[in-house]
Amino acid sequence: MARKIAIRTVIGLVLGFCVLYICDFCVLHIRMLHGGTNAALDTVSVTYGAALKDGRAELFADQSGTVTCSRSIFPQMGYSPCWYARRHATQIISENLGGRMPS
């Protein structure tokens, strides 16, 4: 009995996720049809930085850029959703040097 309920719950969650993703996809494409690319896509300003050895980060204000994002819940058309891109507006660029100092 408990196993049957668990299986039905998992199936319901997976189907709900699939329906939500398909609806998100359709809404984004309807926005593109009626309002063009500007209605479906947006840009977010990004600040780049580098991780320091002591765990802090140095931000480069002069090297900011923009990232294109989709106005959706899930990643669509190869773009991150705007809500995610805005939360990650600072990108730390790290280069793994393998313990060696650059020459």
N, C-alpha and C. Protein backbone atom coordinates (compact mmCIF):
# COMPACT_ATOMS: atom_id res chain seq x y z
N MET A 1 0.82 -1.20 0.00
CA MET A 1 0.00 0.00 0.00
C MET A 1 0.86 1.27 0.00
N ALA A 2 1.86 1.32 0.89
CA ALA A 2 2.72 2.50 0.97
C ALA A 2 3.58 2.61 -0.30
N ARG A 3 3.97 1.46 -0.84
CA ARG A 3 4.78 1.48 -2.05
C ARG A 3 3.98 2.01 -3.24
N LYS A 4 2.70 1.65 -3.30
CA LYS A 4 1.83 2.13 -4.38
C LYS A 4 1.67 3.65 -4.30
N ILE A 5 1.51 4.16 -3.09
CA ILE A 5 1.37 5.61 -2.90
C ILE A 5 2.65 6.32 -3.30
N ALA A 6 3.79 5.76 -2.93
CA ALA A 6 5.08 6.37 -3.27
C ALA A 6 5.28 6.39 -4.78
N ILE A 7 4.94 5.29 -5.46
CA ILE A 7 5.10 5.25 -6.91
C ILE A 7 4.19 6.26 -7.59
N ARG A 8 2.95 6.34 -7.14
CA ARG A 8 2.01 7.32 -7.73
C ARG A 8 2.47 8.76 -7.46
N THR A 9 3.03 8.99 -6.30
CA THR A 9 3.54 10.33 -5.98
C THR A 9 4.70 10.71 -6.90
N VAL A 10 5.62 9.78 -7.10
CA VAL A 10 6.77 10.05 -7.97
C VAL A 10 6.30 10.28 -9.40
N ILE A 11 5.39 9.45 -9.88
CA ILE A 11 4.87 9.62 -11.24
C ILE A 11 4.15 10.96 -11.37
N GLY A 12 3.39 11.34 -10.37
CA GLY A 12 2.69 12.63 -10.40
C GLY A 12 3.65 13.80 -10.42
N LEU A 13 4.73 13.71 -9.63
CA LEU A 13 5.72 14.79 -9.61
C LEU A 13 6.45 14.90 -10.95
N VAL A 14 6.81 13.77 -11.54
CA VAL A 14 7.49 13.79 -12.84
C VAL A 14 6.57 14.36 -13.92
N LEU A 15 5.33 13.93 -13.93
CA LEU A 15 4.38 14.46 -14.92
C LEU A 15 4.14 15.96 -14.71
N GLY A 16 4.03 16.38 -13.45
CA GLY A 16 3.84 17.80 -13.16
C GLY A 16 5.03 18.63 -13.64
N PHE A 17 6.24 18.12 -13.42
CA PHE A 17 7.45 18.80 -13.88
C PHE A 17 7.44 18.91 -15.40
N CYS A 18 7.08 17.82 -16.09
CA CYS A 18 7.05 17.82 -17.55
C CYS A 18 6.02 18.82 -18.08
N VAL A 19 4.84 18.86 -17.47
CA VAL A 19 3.80 19.81 -17.90
C VAL A 19 4.26 21.25 -17.67
N LEU A 20 4.91 21.51 -16.54
CA LEU A 20 5.41 22.86 -16.25
C LEU A 20 6.47 23.28 -17.26
N TYR A 21 7.38 22.37 -17.61
CA TYR A 21 8.42 22.68 -18.58
C TYR A 21 7.82 22.95 -19.96
N ILE A 22 6.87 22.14 -20.37
CA ILE A 22 6.22 22.34 -21.69
C ILE A 22 5.46 23.66 -21.72
N CYS A 23 4.75 23.99 -20.65
CA CYS A 23 4.04 25.27 -20.59
C CYS A 23 5.01 26.44 -20.64
N ASP A 24 6.13 26.33 -19.93
CA ASP A 24 7.15 27.37 -19.94
C ASP A 24 7.70 27.55 -21.35
N PHE A 25 7.96 26.46 -22.03
CA PHE A 25 8.45 26.48 -23.41
C PHE A 25 7.44 27.17 -24.33
N CYS A 26 6.17 26.80 -24.20
CA CYS A 26 5.12 27.38 -25.05
C CYS A 26 4.94 28.87 -24.79
N VAL A 27 4.95 29.28 -23.53
CA VAL A 27 4.79 30.71 -23.20
C VAL A 27 5.94 31.52 -23.77
N LEU A 28 7.16 31.01 -23.68
CA LEU A 28 8.31 31.73 -24.22
C LEU A 28 8.20 31.87 -25.74
N HIS A 29 7.79 30.82 -26.42
CA HIS A 29 7.67 30.90 -27.87
C HIS A 29 6.49 31.77 -28.30
N ILE A 30 5.42 31.79 -27.53
CA ILE A 30 4.31 32.69 -27.84
C ILE A 30 4.74 34.14 -27.66
N ARG A 31 5.55 34.41 -26.63
CA ARG A 31 6.09 35.76 -26.46
C ARG A 31 6.93 36.16 -27.66
N MET A 32 7.73 35.23 -28.17
CA MET A 32 8.57 35.54 -29.33
C MET A 32 7.72 35.79 -30.57
N LEU A 33 6.66 35.04 -30.75
CA LEU A 33 5.80 35.24 -31.92
C LEU A 33 5.09 36.58 -31.90
N HIS A 34 4.61 36.98 -30.73
CA HIS A 34 3.81 38.20 -30.65
C HIS A 34 4.63 39.46 -30.37
N GLY A 35 5.70 39.33 -29.63
CA GLY A 35 6.46 40.53 -29.27
C GLY A 35 7.86 40.56 -29.80
N GLY A 36 8.29 39.53 -30.49
CA GLY A 36 9.65 39.49 -31.01
C GLY A 36 10.63 39.00 -29.96
N THR A 37 11.89 39.08 -30.31
CA THR A 37 12.94 38.58 -29.44
C THR A 37 13.03 39.37 -28.13
N ASN A 38 12.75 40.67 -28.19
CA ASN A 38 12.84 41.50 -26.98
C ASN A 38 11.82 41.12 -25.93
N ALA A 39 10.71 40.55 -26.32
CA ALA A 39 9.69 40.14 -25.37
C ALA A 39 10.06 38.84 -24.66
N ALA A 40 10.90 38.02 -25.28
CA ALA A 40 11.25 36.72 -24.71
C ALA A 40 12.64 36.71 -24.08
N LEU A 41 13.52 37.57 -24.55
CA LEU A 41 14.90 37.59 -24.05
C LEU A 41 15.21 38.93 -23.40
N ASP A 42 16.16 38.91 -22.48
CA ASP A 42 16.57 40.12 -21.78
C ASP A 42 18.08 40.05 -21.59
N THR A 43 18.67 41.14 -21.13
CA THR A 43 20.10 41.14 -20.82
C THR A 43 20.30 41.52 -19.37
N VAL A 44 21.34 40.96 -18.78
CA VAL A 44 21.70 41.22 -17.39
C VAL A 44 23.15 41.66 -17.35
N SER A 45 23.44 42.72 -16.60
CA SER A 45 24.82 43.17 -16.45
C SER A 45 25.57 42.23 -15.51
N VAL A 46 26.78 41.86 -15.91
CA VAL A 46 27.58 40.92 -15.14
C VAL A 46 28.91 41.56 -14.79
N THR A 47 29.35 41.36 -13.57
CA THR A 47 30.65 41.83 -13.12
C THR A 47 31.55 40.61 -12.95
N TYR A 48 32.75 40.68 -13.50
CA TYR A 48 33.68 39.56 -13.43
C TYR A 48 34.66 39.76 -12.29
N GLY A 49 35.16 38.67 -11.76
CA GLY A 49 36.12 38.74 -10.68
C GLY A 49 37.04 37.54 -10.72
N ALA A 50 38.05 37.58 -9.86
CA ALA A 50 39.01 36.47 -9.76
C ALA A 50 39.13 36.06 -8.31
N ALA A 51 39.24 34.76 -8.09
CA ALA A 51 39.41 34.23 -6.74
C ALA A 51 40.86 34.42 -6.32
N LEU A 52 41.05 34.93 -5.10
CA LEU A 52 42.38 35.10 -4.54
C LEU A 52 42.73 33.89 -3.68
N LYS A 53 44.01 33.75 -3.33
CA LYS A 53 44.47 32.59 -2.56
C LYS A 53 43.88 32.56 -1.15
N ASP A 54 43.59 33.72 -0.58
CA ASP A 54 43.09 33.75 0.79
C ASP A 54 41.57 33.55 0.86
N GLY A 55 40.95 33.18 -0.25
CA GLY A 55 39.52 32.90 -0.26
C GLY A 55 38.64 34.09 -0.63
N ARG A 56 39.22 35.25 -0.73
CA ARG A 56 38.45 36.42 -1.13
C ARG A 56 38.40 36.52 -2.64
N ALA A 57 37.63 37.46 -3.13
CA ALA A 57 37.51 37.66 -4.58
C ALA A 57 37.81 39.11 -4.91
N GLU A 58 38.50 39.31 -6.00
CA GLU A 58 38.77 40.65 -6.50
C GLU A 58 37.86 40.89 -7.70
N LEU A 59 37.03 41.93 -7.61
CA LEU A 59 36.08 42.23 -8.69
C LEU A 59 36.69 43.25 -9.64
N PHE A 60 36.45 43.06 -10.92
CA PHE A 60 36.96 43.95 -11.95
C PHE A 60 35.80 44.78 -12.47
N ALA A 61 35.63 45.98 -11.93
CA ALA A 61 34.51 46.83 -12.31
C ALA A 61 34.63 47.34 -13.74
N ASP A 62 35.86 47.44 -14.24
CA ASP A 62 36.06 47.96 -15.59
C ASP A 62 35.83 46.90 -16.66
N GLN A 63 35.66 45.65 -16.26
CA GLN A 63 35.46 44.57 -17.23
C GLN A 63 34.08 43.94 -17.09
N SER A 64 33.08 44.76 -16.90
CA SER A 64 31.73 44.22 -16.80
C SER A 64 31.20 43.91 -18.20
N GLY A 65 30.22 43.05 -18.25
CA GLY A 65 29.65 42.66 -19.53
C GLY A 65 28.17 42.40 -19.39
N THR A 66 27.57 41.93 -20.45
CA THR A 66 26.15 41.59 -20.42
C THR A 66 25.96 40.13 -20.83
N VAL A 67 24.94 39.52 -20.24
CA VAL A 67 24.59 38.14 -20.54
C VAL A 67 23.14 38.13 -21.01
N THR A 68 22.88 37.41 -22.08
CA THR A 68 21.51 37.27 -22.57
C THR A 68 20.83 36.16 -21.80
N CYS A 69 19.59 36.42 -21.38
CA CYS A 69 18.83 35.43 -20.60
C CYS A 69 17.40 35.36 -21.14
N SER A 70 16.74 34.25 -20.84
CA SER A 70 15.36 34.06 -21.29
C SER A 70 14.40 34.36 -20.15
N ARG A 71 13.29 34.98 -20.48
CA ARG A 71 12.27 35.28 -19.47
C ARG A 71 11.39 34.04 -19.29
N SER A 72 11.93 33.09 -18.54
CA SER A 72 11.25 31.81 -18.35
C SER A 72 11.63 31.24 -16.98
N ILE A 73 11.02 30.14 -16.64
CA ILE A 73 11.31 29.47 -15.37
C ILE A 73 12.53 28.56 -15.51
N PHE A 74 12.60 27.85 -16.63
CA PHE A 74 13.67 26.91 -16.90
C PHE A 74 14.57 27.45 -18.01
N PRO A 75 15.80 26.92 -18.12
CA PRO A 75 16.65 27.32 -19.25
C PRO A 75 15.97 26.94 -20.57
N GLN A 76 15.92 27.89 -21.48
CA GLN A 76 15.27 27.67 -22.78
C GLN A 76 16.16 28.26 -23.87
N MET A 77 16.20 27.63 -25.01
CA MET A 77 16.91 28.12 -26.20
C MET A 77 18.39 28.37 -25.94
N GLY A 78 18.98 27.66 -25.01
CA GLY A 78 20.40 27.83 -24.72
C GLY A 78 20.73 28.98 -23.79
N TYR A 79 19.73 29.65 -23.24
CA TYR A 79 19.95 30.78 -22.34
C TYR A 79 19.49 30.42 -20.93
N SER A 80 20.19 30.96 -19.95
CA SER A 80 19.76 30.79 -18.56
C SER A 80 18.53 31.63 -18.32
N PRO A 81 17.66 31.24 -17.39
CA PRO A 81 16.52 32.10 -17.06
C PRO A 81 17.01 33.39 -16.40
N CYS A 82 16.27 34.46 -16.62
CA CYS A 82 16.69 35.77 -16.10
C CYS A 82 16.74 35.80 -14.58
N TRP A 83 15.84 35.09 -13.90
CA TRP A 83 15.87 35.09 -12.44
C TRP A 83 17.18 34.48 -11.94
N TYR A 84 17.72 33.50 -12.64
CA TYR A 84 18.98 32.87 -12.26
C TYR A 84 20.16 33.78 -12.60
N ALA A 85 20.11 34.39 -13.78
CA ALA A 85 21.20 35.26 -14.22
C ALA A 85 21.33 36.48 -13.31
N ARG A 86 20.20 37.02 -12.84
CA ARG A 86 20.27 38.18 -11.95
C ARG A 86 20.86 37.81 -10.58
N ARG A 87 20.58 36.61 -10.12
CA ARG A 87 21.14 36.17 -8.83
C ARG A 87 22.62 35.86 -8.93
N HIS A 88 23.11 35.57 -10.12
CA HIS A 88 24.52 35.26 -10.34
C HIS A 88 25.16 36.33 -11.22
N ALA A 89 24.94 37.58 -10.85
CA ALA A 89 25.45 38.70 -11.65
C ALA A 89 26.94 38.92 -11.47
N THR A 90 27.53 38.28 -10.48
CA THR A 90 28.98 38.34 -10.29
C THR A 90 29.54 36.97 -10.63
N GLN A 91 30.40 36.92 -11.64
CA GLN A 91 30.98 35.66 -12.06
C GLN A 91 32.46 35.65 -11.74
N ILE A 92 32.86 34.65 -10.96
CA ILE A 92 34.26 34.51 -10.60
C ILE A 92 34.94 33.65 -11.66
N ILE A 93 35.95 34.22 -12.28
CA ILE A 93 36.72 33.52 -13.29
C ILE A 93 37.93 32.92 -12.58
N SER A 94 38.01 31.61 -12.55
CA SER A 94 39.15 30.97 -11.91
C SER A 94 39.88 30.14 -12.93
N GLU A 95 41.17 30.13 -12.80
CA GLU A 95 42.01 29.38 -13.70
C GLU A 95 42.81 28.40 -12.87
N ASN A 96 42.66 27.13 -13.14
CA ASN A 96 43.37 26.11 -12.39
C ASN A 96 44.79 26.01 -12.94
N LEU A 97 45.76 26.41 -12.12
CA LEU A 97 47.14 26.42 -12.55
C LEU A 97 47.88 25.16 -12.09
N GLY A 98 47.21 24.28 -11.37
CA GLY A 98 47.84 23.04 -10.94
C GLY A 98 48.97 23.26 -9.94
N GLY A 99 48.86 24.28 -9.11
CA GLY A 99 49.87 24.53 -8.08
C GLY A 99 51.10 25.26 -8.61
N ARG A 100 51.12 25.63 -9.88
CA ARG A 100 52.27 26.33 -10.45
C ARG A 100 51.96 27.81 -10.58
N MET A 101 52.95 28.58 -10.48
CA MET A 101 52.81 30.01 -10.70
C MET A 101 52.87 30.28 -12.20
N PRO A 102 52.05 31.19 -12.71
CA PRO A 102 52.12 31.50 -14.14
C PRO A 102 53.42 32.20 -14.47
N SER A 103 53.93 31.93 -15.67
CA SER A 103 55.20 32.55 -16.06
C SER A 103 54.98 33.78 -16.91
